[in-house]
Amino acid sequence: MWFDFASPYSYLALARIEPLAQAAGVPVAPRPFLLGPIFQAQGWNDSPFRLFPGKGAYMMRDIARLAAKYGVPYERPAVFPRVGVLPARVALLGQAQPWGLAFCKAVFDANFVRDEDIQNEDVVRALLQTLALDADALIAQARAEATKEALRRQVDRARQHGIFGAPTFLVEGEMFWGNDRLEDALDWACGRQGART
């Protein structure tokens, strides 16, 4: 699952994916990236939800409805979209670690449940400490040039896959875009391509 911490639809998908994927027997591979460079490559200097106010208003209402439907807590962030570069770098460090998915969930909860500034180092430190991780070491590693470059490469990989939004699910080369395609992606992974109409 490719996602950006600023994306409310990514929040909803990550909140739902683990039990659905476990039930389907499908592993989840979190892939943090940044939508900003993807949007810039399309000629946008901001989120499409801010560039097109009507779309943004609809999205905010849609997210609230979907969160209620799924039973997922949601608080509209005071700032949208929030910068999430630091947590994306930390998540990249953890994407193959046992704590990676839990950290991603914690960041999304901080942004979309508690309305916290996820770019703030103290917020990220507290999230890491809650997971009993060495917060100072991970933040220092996240600020290192090698990690910055790794995130740039991750964005390049997203672009090479043709990813244009988040969340995006890639299953054996097949792309599914959007929270509403999560179940379709899982069906595809299970070989039930025609199961849903």
N, C-alpha and C. Protein backbone atom coordinates (compact mmCIF):
# COMPACT_ATOMS: atom_id res chain seq x y z
N MET A 1 0.85 -1.18 0.00
CA MET A 1 0.00 0.00 0.00
C MET A 1 0.88 1.24 0.00
N TRP A 2 0.75 2.03 -1.04
CA TRP A 2 1.47 3.30 -1.16
C TRP A 2 0.58 4.40 -0.58
N PHE A 3 1.16 5.24 0.28
CA PHE A 3 0.36 6.25 0.97
C PHE A 3 1.19 7.47 1.32
N ASP A 4 0.48 8.56 1.55
CA ASP A 4 1.05 9.81 2.05
C ASP A 4 0.33 10.12 3.35
N PHE A 5 1.08 10.52 4.38
CA PHE A 5 0.47 10.80 5.69
C PHE A 5 -0.49 11.98 5.67
N ALA A 6 -0.46 12.80 4.63
CA ALA A 6 -1.40 13.91 4.52
C ALA A 6 -2.73 13.48 3.93
N SER A 7 -2.80 12.27 3.39
CA SER A 7 -3.98 11.81 2.67
C SER A 7 -5.01 11.18 3.61
N PRO A 8 -6.19 11.79 3.73
CA PRO A 8 -7.22 11.20 4.60
C PRO A 8 -7.75 9.88 4.07
N TYR A 9 -7.77 9.71 2.76
CA TYR A 9 -8.20 8.42 2.21
C TYR A 9 -7.16 7.33 2.53
N SER A 10 -5.89 7.70 2.58
CA SER A 10 -4.86 6.75 3.01
C SER A 10 -5.07 6.37 4.46
N TYR A 11 -5.45 7.35 5.28
CA TYR A 11 -5.74 7.06 6.69
C TYR A 11 -6.83 6.01 6.81
N LEU A 12 -7.92 6.21 6.08
CA LEU A 12 -9.03 5.25 6.14
C LEU A 12 -8.60 3.87 5.67
N ALA A 13 -7.83 3.82 4.59
CA ALA A 13 -7.39 2.52 4.06
C ALA A 13 -6.47 1.81 5.04
N LEU A 14 -5.53 2.54 5.63
CA LEU A 14 -4.61 1.89 6.56
C LEU A 14 -5.34 1.45 7.83
N ALA A 15 -6.35 2.20 8.23
CA ALA A 15 -7.14 1.81 9.41
C ALA A 15 -7.89 0.51 9.17
N ARG A 16 -8.20 0.21 7.91
CA ARG A 16 -9.02 -0.97 7.58
C ARG A 16 -8.22 -2.16 7.06
N ILE A 17 -7.03 -1.92 6.54
CA ILE A 17 -6.37 -2.94 5.74
C ILE A 17 -5.93 -4.18 6.51
N GLU A 18 -5.45 -4.01 7.72
CA GLU A 18 -4.84 -5.15 8.42
C GLU A 18 -5.81 -6.32 8.63
N PRO A 19 -6.99 -6.11 9.23
CA PRO A 19 -7.88 -7.27 9.40
C PRO A 19 -8.38 -7.84 8.08
N LEU A 20 -8.63 -6.97 7.10
CA LEU A 20 -9.09 -7.45 5.80
C LEU A 20 -8.01 -8.28 5.10
N ALA A 21 -6.78 -7.80 5.16
CA ALA A 21 -5.67 -8.52 4.53
C ALA A 21 -5.39 -9.83 5.25
N GLN A 22 -5.47 -9.82 6.58
CA GLN A 22 -5.26 -11.06 7.33
C GLN A 22 -6.32 -12.09 6.98
N ALA A 23 -7.57 -11.65 6.90
CA ALA A 23 -8.66 -12.57 6.55
C ALA A 23 -8.47 -13.16 5.16
N ALA A 24 -7.88 -12.36 4.26
CA ALA A 24 -7.65 -12.82 2.89
C ALA A 24 -6.33 -13.57 2.74
N GLY A 25 -5.49 -13.54 3.79
CA GLY A 25 -4.19 -14.18 3.70
C GLY A 25 -3.21 -13.43 2.81
N VAL A 26 -3.36 -12.11 2.76
CA VAL A 26 -2.52 -11.28 1.89
C VAL A 26 -1.60 -10.42 2.76
N PRO A 27 -0.29 -10.46 2.51
CA PRO A 27 0.62 -9.62 3.29
C PRO A 27 0.47 -8.14 2.91
N VAL A 28 0.71 -7.28 3.88
CA VAL A 28 0.63 -5.83 3.66
C VAL A 28 2.04 -5.27 3.66
N ALA A 29 2.39 -4.54 2.63
CA ALA A 29 3.70 -3.90 2.54
C ALA A 29 3.49 -2.39 2.51
N PRO A 30 3.68 -1.70 3.64
CA PRO A 30 3.50 -0.25 3.66
C PRO A 30 4.59 0.45 2.86
N ARG A 31 4.18 1.38 2.00
CA ARG A 31 5.11 2.12 1.16
C ARG A 31 4.85 3.62 1.28
N PRO A 32 5.48 4.27 2.26
CA PRO A 32 5.29 5.71 2.40
C PRO A 32 5.96 6.46 1.26
N PHE A 33 5.31 7.52 0.81
CA PHE A 33 5.91 8.40 -0.20
C PHE A 33 5.27 9.78 -0.05
N LEU A 34 5.68 10.71 -0.87
CA LEU A 34 5.15 12.08 -0.82
C LEU A 34 4.39 12.38 -2.10
N LEU A 35 3.16 12.84 -1.94
CA LEU A 35 2.36 13.21 -3.11
C LEU A 35 2.78 14.54 -3.71
N GLY A 36 3.37 15.43 -2.91
CA GLY A 36 3.74 16.75 -3.41
C GLY A 36 4.53 16.71 -4.71
N PRO A 37 5.64 15.96 -4.77
CA PRO A 37 6.40 15.89 -6.02
C PRO A 37 5.61 15.26 -7.17
N ILE A 38 4.71 14.33 -6.85
CA ILE A 38 3.87 13.72 -7.88
C ILE A 38 2.93 14.78 -8.45
N PHE A 39 2.31 15.56 -7.57
CA PHE A 39 1.41 16.63 -8.02
C PHE A 39 2.17 17.67 -8.83
N GLN A 40 3.37 18.04 -8.37
CA GLN A 40 4.17 19.04 -9.09
C GLN A 40 4.50 18.57 -10.49
N ALA A 41 4.76 17.29 -10.66
CA ALA A 41 5.05 16.74 -11.99
C ALA A 41 3.83 16.82 -12.90
N GLN A 42 2.64 16.91 -12.31
CA GLN A 42 1.40 17.05 -13.08
C GLN A 42 1.04 18.52 -13.30
N GLY A 43 1.91 19.42 -12.81
CA GLY A 43 1.66 20.85 -13.01
C GLY A 43 0.86 21.51 -11.90
N TRP A 44 0.65 20.80 -10.80
CA TRP A 44 -0.09 21.37 -9.66
C TRP A 44 0.90 21.83 -8.61
N ASN A 45 0.66 23.00 -8.05
CA ASN A 45 1.54 23.50 -7.00
C ASN A 45 0.95 23.31 -5.61
N ASP A 46 -0.15 22.57 -5.52
CA ASP A 46 -0.83 22.34 -4.25
C ASP A 46 -1.68 21.07 -4.37
N SER A 47 -2.29 20.68 -3.28
CA SER A 47 -3.20 19.55 -3.30
C SER A 47 -4.40 19.87 -4.19
N PRO A 48 -4.88 18.90 -4.96
CA PRO A 48 -6.06 19.17 -5.79
C PRO A 48 -7.28 19.54 -4.95
N PHE A 49 -7.29 19.13 -3.69
CA PHE A 49 -8.41 19.46 -2.82
C PHE A 49 -8.38 20.92 -2.37
N ARG A 50 -7.22 21.57 -2.49
CA ARG A 50 -7.15 23.01 -2.23
C ARG A 50 -7.23 23.80 -3.52
N LEU A 51 -6.73 23.21 -4.61
CA LEU A 51 -6.81 23.89 -5.90
C LEU A 51 -8.25 24.00 -6.39
N PHE A 52 -9.06 23.00 -6.05
CA PHE A 52 -10.46 22.96 -6.46
C PHE A 52 -11.33 22.92 -5.21
N PRO A 53 -11.73 24.09 -4.70
CA PRO A 53 -12.43 24.17 -3.41
C PRO A 53 -13.68 23.30 -3.32
N GLY A 54 -14.43 23.19 -4.40
CA GLY A 54 -15.62 22.34 -4.37
C GLY A 54 -15.25 20.89 -4.11
N LYS A 55 -14.19 20.44 -4.76
CA LYS A 55 -13.71 19.07 -4.56
C LYS A 55 -13.23 18.89 -3.12
N GLY A 56 -12.55 19.90 -2.59
CA GLY A 56 -12.05 19.83 -1.22
C GLY A 56 -13.17 19.75 -0.21
N ALA A 57 -14.22 20.55 -0.40
CA ALA A 57 -15.36 20.51 0.52
C ALA A 57 -16.05 19.16 0.47
N TYR A 58 -16.20 18.63 -0.75
CA TYR A 58 -16.81 17.31 -0.89
C TYR A 58 -15.97 16.25 -0.19
N MET A 59 -14.65 16.30 -0.40
CA MET A 59 -13.77 15.30 0.19
C MET A 59 -13.87 15.30 1.71
N MET A 60 -13.87 16.48 2.32
CA MET A 60 -13.95 16.54 3.78
C MET A 60 -15.24 15.90 4.28
N ARG A 61 -16.34 16.15 3.59
CA ARG A 61 -17.61 15.54 4.00
C ARG A 61 -17.59 14.04 3.74
N ASP A 62 -17.01 13.64 2.61
CA ASP A 62 -16.92 12.23 2.26
C ASP A 62 -16.10 11.46 3.29
N ILE A 63 -14.99 12.03 3.72
CA ILE A 63 -14.14 11.37 4.71
C ILE A 63 -14.92 11.16 6.00
N ALA A 64 -15.65 12.18 6.45
CA ALA A 64 -16.43 12.06 7.68
C ALA A 64 -17.49 10.96 7.55
N ARG A 65 -18.16 10.91 6.40
CA ARG A 65 -19.17 9.86 6.19
C ARG A 65 -18.54 8.48 6.20
N LEU A 66 -17.42 8.33 5.48
CA LEU A 66 -16.76 7.03 5.40
C LEU A 66 -16.22 6.59 6.76
N ALA A 67 -15.66 7.52 7.50
CA ALA A 67 -15.15 7.18 8.84
C ALA A 67 -16.28 6.65 9.71
N ALA A 68 -17.44 7.31 9.65
CA ALA A 68 -18.60 6.85 10.42
C ALA A 68 -19.05 5.47 9.93
N LYS A 69 -19.06 5.28 8.63
CA LYS A 69 -19.46 3.99 8.05
C LYS A 69 -18.56 2.86 8.53
N TYR A 70 -17.25 3.11 8.55
CA TYR A 70 -16.28 2.09 8.94
C TYR A 70 -16.10 1.98 10.45
N GLY A 71 -16.65 2.92 11.21
CA GLY A 71 -16.41 2.93 12.65
C GLY A 71 -14.99 3.34 13.00
N VAL A 72 -14.42 4.21 12.17
CA VAL A 72 -13.04 4.68 12.35
C VAL A 72 -13.10 6.09 12.92
N PRO A 73 -12.39 6.37 14.01
CA PRO A 73 -12.42 7.73 14.56
C PRO A 73 -11.81 8.72 13.56
N TYR A 74 -12.35 9.92 13.54
CA TYR A 74 -11.85 10.94 12.61
C TYR A 74 -12.14 12.32 13.17
N GLU A 75 -11.13 13.16 13.13
CA GLU A 75 -11.26 14.58 13.49
C GLU A 75 -10.66 15.36 12.33
N ARG A 76 -11.45 16.23 11.75
CA ARG A 76 -10.92 17.02 10.63
C ARG A 76 -9.73 17.85 11.10
N PRO A 77 -8.59 17.70 10.43
CA PRO A 77 -7.40 18.45 10.85
C PRO A 77 -7.60 19.96 10.69
N ALA A 78 -7.07 20.71 11.63
CA ALA A 78 -7.14 22.17 11.54
C ALA A 78 -6.31 22.68 10.36
N VAL A 79 -5.27 21.94 10.01
CA VAL A 79 -4.41 22.28 8.87
C VAL A 79 -4.48 21.13 7.88
N PHE A 80 -4.81 21.46 6.63
CA PHE A 80 -4.85 20.43 5.59
C PHE A 80 -4.37 21.00 4.28
N PRO A 81 -3.51 20.29 3.57
CA PRO A 81 -2.83 19.08 4.02
C PRO A 81 -1.66 19.41 4.92
N ARG A 82 -1.36 18.51 5.83
CA ARG A 82 -0.22 18.69 6.73
C ARG A 82 1.04 18.17 6.07
N VAL A 83 2.13 18.84 6.35
CA VAL A 83 3.44 18.36 5.91
C VAL A 83 3.77 17.11 6.72
N GLY A 84 4.24 16.09 6.04
CA GLY A 84 4.57 14.84 6.73
C GLY A 84 5.88 14.24 6.26
N VAL A 85 6.86 15.10 5.98
CA VAL A 85 8.14 14.61 5.47
C VAL A 85 8.89 13.81 6.53
N LEU A 86 8.99 14.36 7.74
CA LEU A 86 9.73 13.65 8.80
C LEU A 86 9.12 12.28 9.10
N PRO A 87 7.81 12.18 9.33
CA PRO A 87 7.28 10.84 9.58
C PRO A 87 7.39 9.91 8.37
N ALA A 88 7.37 10.47 7.15
CA ALA A 88 7.55 9.62 5.97
C ALA A 88 8.95 9.01 5.95
N ARG A 89 9.93 9.81 6.35
CA ARG A 89 11.30 9.27 6.40
C ARG A 89 11.42 8.19 7.47
N VAL A 90 10.82 8.45 8.64
CA VAL A 90 10.87 7.43 9.71
C VAL A 90 10.14 6.17 9.24
N ALA A 91 8.99 6.34 8.62
CA ALA A 91 8.23 5.19 8.13
C ALA A 91 9.02 4.42 7.08
N LEU A 92 9.77 5.13 6.26
CA LEU A 92 10.61 4.46 5.27
C LEU A 92 11.67 3.60 5.96
N LEU A 93 12.23 4.13 7.05
CA LEU A 93 13.20 3.35 7.82
C LEU A 93 12.55 2.10 8.41
N GLY A 94 11.27 2.19 8.71
CA GLY A 94 10.58 1.08 9.35
C GLY A 94 9.75 0.22 8.44
N GLN A 95 9.76 0.48 7.13
CA GLN A 95 8.82 -0.24 6.26
C GLN A 95 9.06 -1.74 6.23
N ALA A 96 10.26 -2.20 6.54
CA ALA A 96 10.52 -3.65 6.58
C ALA A 96 10.74 -4.14 8.02
N GLN A 97 10.44 -3.27 8.99
CA GLN A 97 10.63 -3.61 10.40
C GLN A 97 9.30 -4.01 11.04
N PRO A 98 9.35 -4.80 12.11
CA PRO A 98 8.10 -5.20 12.78
C PRO A 98 7.27 -4.03 13.29
N TRP A 99 7.92 -2.90 13.59
CA TRP A 99 7.21 -1.74 14.14
C TRP A 99 6.68 -0.81 13.05
N GLY A 100 7.01 -1.06 11.81
CA GLY A 100 6.69 -0.12 10.73
C GLY A 100 5.21 0.19 10.59
N LEU A 101 4.38 -0.82 10.53
CA LEU A 101 2.94 -0.60 10.34
C LEU A 101 2.33 0.09 11.55
N ALA A 102 2.76 -0.28 12.76
CA ALA A 102 2.24 0.36 13.97
C ALA A 102 2.61 1.84 14.00
N PHE A 103 3.82 2.17 13.55
CA PHE A 103 4.21 3.58 13.50
C PHE A 103 3.34 4.34 12.51
N CYS A 104 3.11 3.75 11.35
CA CYS A 104 2.28 4.42 10.34
C CYS A 104 0.87 4.69 10.88
N LYS A 105 0.29 3.70 11.55
CA LYS A 105 -1.03 3.90 12.15
C LYS A 105 -1.00 5.02 13.18
N ALA A 106 0.07 5.05 13.99
CA ALA A 106 0.19 6.07 15.02
C ALA A 106 0.27 7.47 14.40
N VAL A 107 1.00 7.61 13.31
CA VAL A 107 1.10 8.91 12.63
C VAL A 107 -0.26 9.33 12.08
N PHE A 108 -0.95 8.41 11.42
CA PHE A 108 -2.27 8.74 10.90
C PHE A 108 -3.23 9.13 12.02
N ASP A 109 -3.18 8.41 13.13
CA ASP A 109 -4.05 8.76 14.27
C ASP A 109 -3.71 10.15 14.80
N ALA A 110 -2.41 10.46 14.88
CA ALA A 110 -2.01 11.78 15.35
C ALA A 110 -2.59 12.87 14.44
N ASN A 111 -2.56 12.64 13.14
CA ASN A 111 -3.04 13.64 12.18
C ASN A 111 -4.56 13.70 12.12
N PHE A 112 -5.22 12.55 12.01
CA PHE A 112 -6.65 12.54 11.69
C PHE A 112 -7.56 12.17 12.86
N VAL A 113 -6.99 11.93 14.03
CA VAL A 113 -7.82 11.68 15.21
C VAL A 113 -7.54 12.74 16.28
N ARG A 114 -6.23 13.03 16.50
CA ARG A 114 -5.87 13.98 17.56
C ARG A 114 -5.49 15.36 17.03
N ASP A 115 -5.49 15.54 15.70
CA ASP A 115 -5.19 16.84 15.09
C ASP A 115 -3.84 17.40 15.55
N GLU A 116 -2.82 16.56 15.50
CA GLU A 116 -1.47 16.97 15.90
C GLU A 116 -0.62 17.26 14.67
N ASP A 117 0.36 18.12 14.84
CA ASP A 117 1.28 18.47 13.76
C ASP A 117 2.30 17.34 13.60
N ILE A 118 2.07 16.50 12.62
CA ILE A 118 2.91 15.31 12.45
C ILE A 118 4.32 15.62 11.94
N GLN A 119 4.56 16.83 11.51
CA GLN A 119 5.90 17.23 11.09
C GLN A 119 6.73 17.67 12.30
N ASN A 120 6.07 17.94 13.41
CA ASN A 120 6.74 18.39 14.62
C ASN A 120 7.58 17.25 15.21
N GLU A 121 8.84 17.52 15.43
CA GLU A 121 9.75 16.49 15.92
C GLU A 121 9.31 15.92 17.27
N ASP A 122 8.76 16.77 18.14
CA ASP A 122 8.31 16.28 19.44
C ASP A 122 7.14 15.31 19.30
N VAL A 123 6.26 15.57 18.35
CA VAL A 123 5.14 14.66 18.10
C VAL A 123 5.66 13.32 17.60
N VAL A 124 6.57 13.35 16.65
CA VAL A 124 7.15 12.11 16.11
C VAL A 124 7.91 11.37 17.20
N ARG A 125 8.65 12.10 18.01
CA ARG A 125 9.40 11.47 19.11
C ARG A 125 8.44 10.75 20.06
N ALA A 126 7.35 11.40 20.42
CA ALA A 126 6.38 10.79 21.34
C ALA A 126 5.77 9.53 20.74
N LEU A 127 5.48 9.55 19.44
CA LEU A 127 4.92 8.36 18.78
C LEU A 127 5.91 7.20 18.83
N LEU A 128 7.17 7.49 18.57
CA LEU A 128 8.20 6.45 18.60
C LEU A 128 8.40 5.91 20.01
N GLN A 129 8.37 6.81 20.99
CA GLN A 129 8.54 6.38 22.38
C GLN A 129 7.38 5.51 22.83
N THR A 130 6.17 5.83 22.36
CA THR A 130 5.01 5.01 22.70
C THR A 130 5.19 3.58 22.19
N LEU A 131 5.92 3.43 21.11
CA LEU A 131 6.20 2.10 20.54
C LEU A 131 7.47 1.48 21.12
N ALA A 132 8.03 2.13 22.17
CA ALA A 132 9.24 1.65 22.85
C ALA A 132 10.44 1.57 21.90
N LEU A 133 10.54 2.56 21.02
CA LEU A 133 11.65 2.62 20.07
C LEU A 133 12.62 3.71 20.49
N ASP A 134 13.84 3.65 19.98
CA ASP A 134 14.85 4.67 20.27
C ASP A 134 14.56 5.89 19.39
N ALA A 135 13.73 6.77 19.92
CA ALA A 135 13.22 7.90 19.14
C ALA A 135 14.34 8.81 18.65
N ASP A 136 15.27 9.15 19.53
CA ASP A 136 16.33 10.08 19.13
C ASP A 136 17.18 9.50 18.00
N ALA A 137 17.50 8.22 18.10
CA ALA A 137 18.32 7.59 17.06
C ALA A 137 17.56 7.53 15.73
N LEU A 138 16.27 7.20 15.78
CA LEU A 138 15.50 7.11 14.53
C LEU A 138 15.29 8.48 13.90
N ILE A 139 15.06 9.50 14.72
CA ILE A 139 14.89 10.85 14.17
C ILE A 139 16.21 11.33 13.56
N ALA A 140 17.32 11.06 14.23
CA ALA A 140 18.62 11.43 13.66
C ALA A 140 18.85 10.72 12.33
N GLN A 141 18.50 9.44 12.28
CA GLN A 141 18.66 8.69 11.03
C GLN A 141 17.72 9.24 9.95
N ALA A 142 16.52 9.64 10.35
CA ALA A 142 15.56 10.19 9.39
C ALA A 142 16.04 11.52 8.82
N ARG A 143 16.81 12.26 9.59
CA ARG A 143 17.33 13.56 9.14
C ARG A 143 18.63 13.42 8.34
N ALA A 144 19.18 12.24 8.29
CA ALA A 144 20.44 12.01 7.56
C ALA A 144 20.20 12.11 6.06
N GLU A 145 21.22 12.55 5.36
CA GLU A 145 21.12 12.73 3.91
C GLU A 145 20.76 11.43 3.20
N ALA A 146 21.27 10.31 3.70
CA ALA A 146 20.98 9.02 3.06
C ALA A 146 19.49 8.71 3.11
N THR A 147 18.83 9.06 4.20
CA THR A 147 17.39 8.80 4.31
C THR A 147 16.60 9.77 3.45
N LYS A 148 17.05 11.01 3.39
CA LYS A 148 16.40 11.98 2.50
C LYS A 148 16.45 11.48 1.06
N GLU A 149 17.61 10.98 0.66
CA GLU A 149 17.77 10.46 -0.69
C GLU A 149 16.91 9.21 -0.89
N ALA A 150 16.81 8.38 0.13
CA ALA A 150 15.98 7.17 0.03
C ALA A 150 14.52 7.54 -0.19
N LEU A 151 14.05 8.59 0.46
CA LEU A 151 12.66 9.02 0.25
C LEU A 151 12.48 9.59 -1.16
N ARG A 152 13.48 10.32 -1.65
CA ARG A 152 13.39 10.81 -3.04
C ARG A 152 13.30 9.63 -4.01
N ARG A 153 14.09 8.59 -3.76
CA ARG A 153 14.03 7.39 -4.62
C ARG A 153 12.67 6.70 -4.50
N GLN A 154 12.10 6.72 -3.31
CA GLN A 154 10.78 6.11 -3.12
C GLN A 154 9.73 6.86 -3.95
N VAL A 155 9.81 8.18 -3.97
CA VAL A 155 8.90 8.98 -4.80
C VAL A 155 9.14 8.67 -6.27
N ASP A 156 10.40 8.52 -6.66
CA ASP A 156 10.70 8.16 -8.05
C ASP A 156 10.10 6.80 -8.40
N ARG A 157 10.18 5.83 -7.48
CA ARG A 157 9.57 4.52 -7.72
C ARG A 157 8.06 4.64 -7.88
N ALA A 158 7.45 5.47 -7.04
CA ALA A 158 6.00 5.68 -7.17
C ALA A 158 5.68 6.22 -8.56
N ARG A 159 6.45 7.19 -9.00
CA ARG A 159 6.25 7.79 -10.32
C ARG A 159 6.43 6.74 -11.42
N GLN A 160 7.45 5.89 -11.28
CA GLN A 160 7.71 4.84 -12.28
C GLN A 160 6.57 3.83 -12.35
N HIS A 161 5.91 3.60 -11.22
CA HIS A 161 4.76 2.70 -11.19
C HIS A 161 3.51 3.36 -11.78
N GLY A 162 3.58 4.66 -12.05
CA GLY A 162 2.42 5.38 -12.56
C GLY A 162 1.48 5.86 -11.48
N ILE A 163 1.94 5.88 -10.24
CA ILE A 163 1.10 6.31 -9.12
C ILE A 163 0.87 7.81 -9.21
N PHE A 164 -0.37 8.21 -9.07
CA PHE A 164 -0.74 9.63 -9.17
C PHE A 164 -1.54 10.11 -7.97
N GLY A 165 -1.86 9.23 -7.05
CA GLY A 165 -2.63 9.59 -5.87
C GLY A 165 -2.46 8.53 -4.80
N ALA A 166 -3.09 8.78 -3.66
CA ALA A 166 -2.96 7.85 -2.55
C ALA A 166 -4.29 7.70 -1.82
N PRO A 167 -4.54 6.48 -1.34
CA PRO A 167 -3.67 5.33 -1.37
C PRO A 167 -3.71 4.62 -2.73
N THR A 168 -2.63 3.95 -3.02
CA THR A 168 -2.55 3.11 -4.21
C THR A 168 -2.07 1.73 -3.78
N PHE A 169 -2.72 0.72 -4.32
CA PHE A 169 -2.37 -0.67 -4.03
C PHE A 169 -1.84 -1.29 -5.32
N LEU A 170 -0.67 -1.88 -5.25
CA LEU A 170 -0.10 -2.57 -6.40
C LEU A 170 -0.11 -4.07 -6.11
N VAL A 171 -0.75 -4.81 -6.98
CA VAL A 171 -0.85 -6.26 -6.82
C VAL A 171 -0.38 -6.90 -8.12
N GLU A 172 0.81 -7.50 -8.08
CA GLU A 172 1.35 -8.17 -9.26
C GLU A 172 1.26 -7.29 -10.50
N GLY A 173 1.65 -6.04 -10.36
CA GLY A 173 1.66 -5.12 -11.48
C GLY A 173 0.34 -4.44 -11.77
N GLU A 174 -0.71 -4.86 -11.10
CA GLU A 174 -2.04 -4.26 -11.29
C GLU A 174 -2.21 -3.14 -10.26
N MET A 175 -2.65 -1.96 -10.73
CA MET A 175 -2.80 -0.83 -9.84
C MET A 175 -4.26 -0.61 -9.48
N PHE A 176 -4.49 -0.36 -8.18
CA PHE A 176 -5.81 -0.01 -7.65
C PHE A 176 -5.63 1.28 -6.87
N TRP A 177 -6.38 2.32 -7.25
CA TRP A 177 -6.22 3.62 -6.62
C TRP A 177 -7.45 3.96 -5.79
N GLY A 178 -7.20 4.33 -4.56
CA GLY A 178 -8.25 4.83 -3.70
C GLY A 178 -8.66 3.87 -2.60
N ASN A 179 -9.08 4.43 -1.49
CA ASN A 179 -9.58 3.65 -0.37
C ASN A 179 -10.70 2.72 -0.80
N ASP A 180 -11.52 3.16 -1.74
CA ASP A 180 -12.66 2.35 -2.19
C ASP A 180 -12.25 1.19 -3.08
N ARG A 181 -10.96 1.06 -3.37
CA ARG A 181 -10.47 -0.06 -4.17
C ARG A 181 -9.70 -1.08 -3.33
N LEU A 182 -9.68 -0.88 -2.02
CA LEU A 182 -8.94 -1.80 -1.15
C LEU A 182 -9.45 -3.23 -1.29
N GLU A 183 -10.74 -3.43 -1.20
CA GLU A 183 -11.29 -4.78 -1.31
C GLU A 183 -11.03 -5.38 -2.69
N ASP A 184 -11.10 -4.56 -3.73
CA ASP A 184 -10.80 -5.05 -5.08
C ASP A 184 -9.34 -5.51 -5.18
N ALA A 185 -8.43 -4.76 -4.57
CA ALA A 185 -7.02 -5.14 -4.59
C ALA A 185 -6.81 -6.46 -3.87
N LEU A 186 -7.48 -6.63 -2.74
CA LEU A 186 -7.36 -7.89 -1.99
C LEU A 186 -7.94 -9.05 -2.79
N ASP A 187 -9.08 -8.82 -3.44
CA ASP A 187 -9.65 -9.87 -4.29
C ASP A 187 -8.68 -10.26 -5.40
N TRP A 188 -8.06 -9.27 -6.01
CA TRP A 188 -7.10 -9.53 -7.09
C TRP A 188 -5.94 -10.36 -6.55
N ALA A 189 -5.46 -9.99 -5.37
CA ALA A 189 -4.34 -10.72 -4.77
C ALA A 189 -4.70 -12.17 -4.47
N CYS A 190 -5.98 -12.42 -4.23
CA CYS A 190 -6.45 -13.79 -3.94
C CYS A 190 -6.86 -14.55 -5.19
N GLY A 191 -6.72 -13.92 -6.36
CA GLY A 191 -7.08 -14.58 -7.60
C GLY A 191 -8.55 -14.54 -7.92
N ARG A 192 -9.27 -13.63 -7.24
CA ARG A 192 -10.72 -13.51 -7.49
C ARG A 192 -11.00 -12.25 -8.30
N GLN A 193 -10.32 -12.10 -9.42
CA GLN A 193 -10.41 -10.86 -10.20
C GLN A 193 -11.83 -10.50 -10.60
N GLY A 194 -12.66 -11.45 -10.87
CA GLY A 194 -14.02 -11.15 -11.30
C GLY A 194 -15.04 -11.23 -10.18
N ALA A 195 -14.57 -11.34 -8.94
CA ALA A 195 -15.49 -11.58 -7.83
C ALA A 195 -16.38 -10.38 -7.55
N ARG A 196 -15.85 -9.19 -7.73
CA ARG A 196 -16.64 -7.98 -7.44
C ARG A 196 -17.00 -7.28 -8.75
N THR A 197 -18.21 -6.80 -8.81
CA THR A 197 -18.62 -6.10 -10.03
C THR A 197 -18.83 -4.64 -9.74
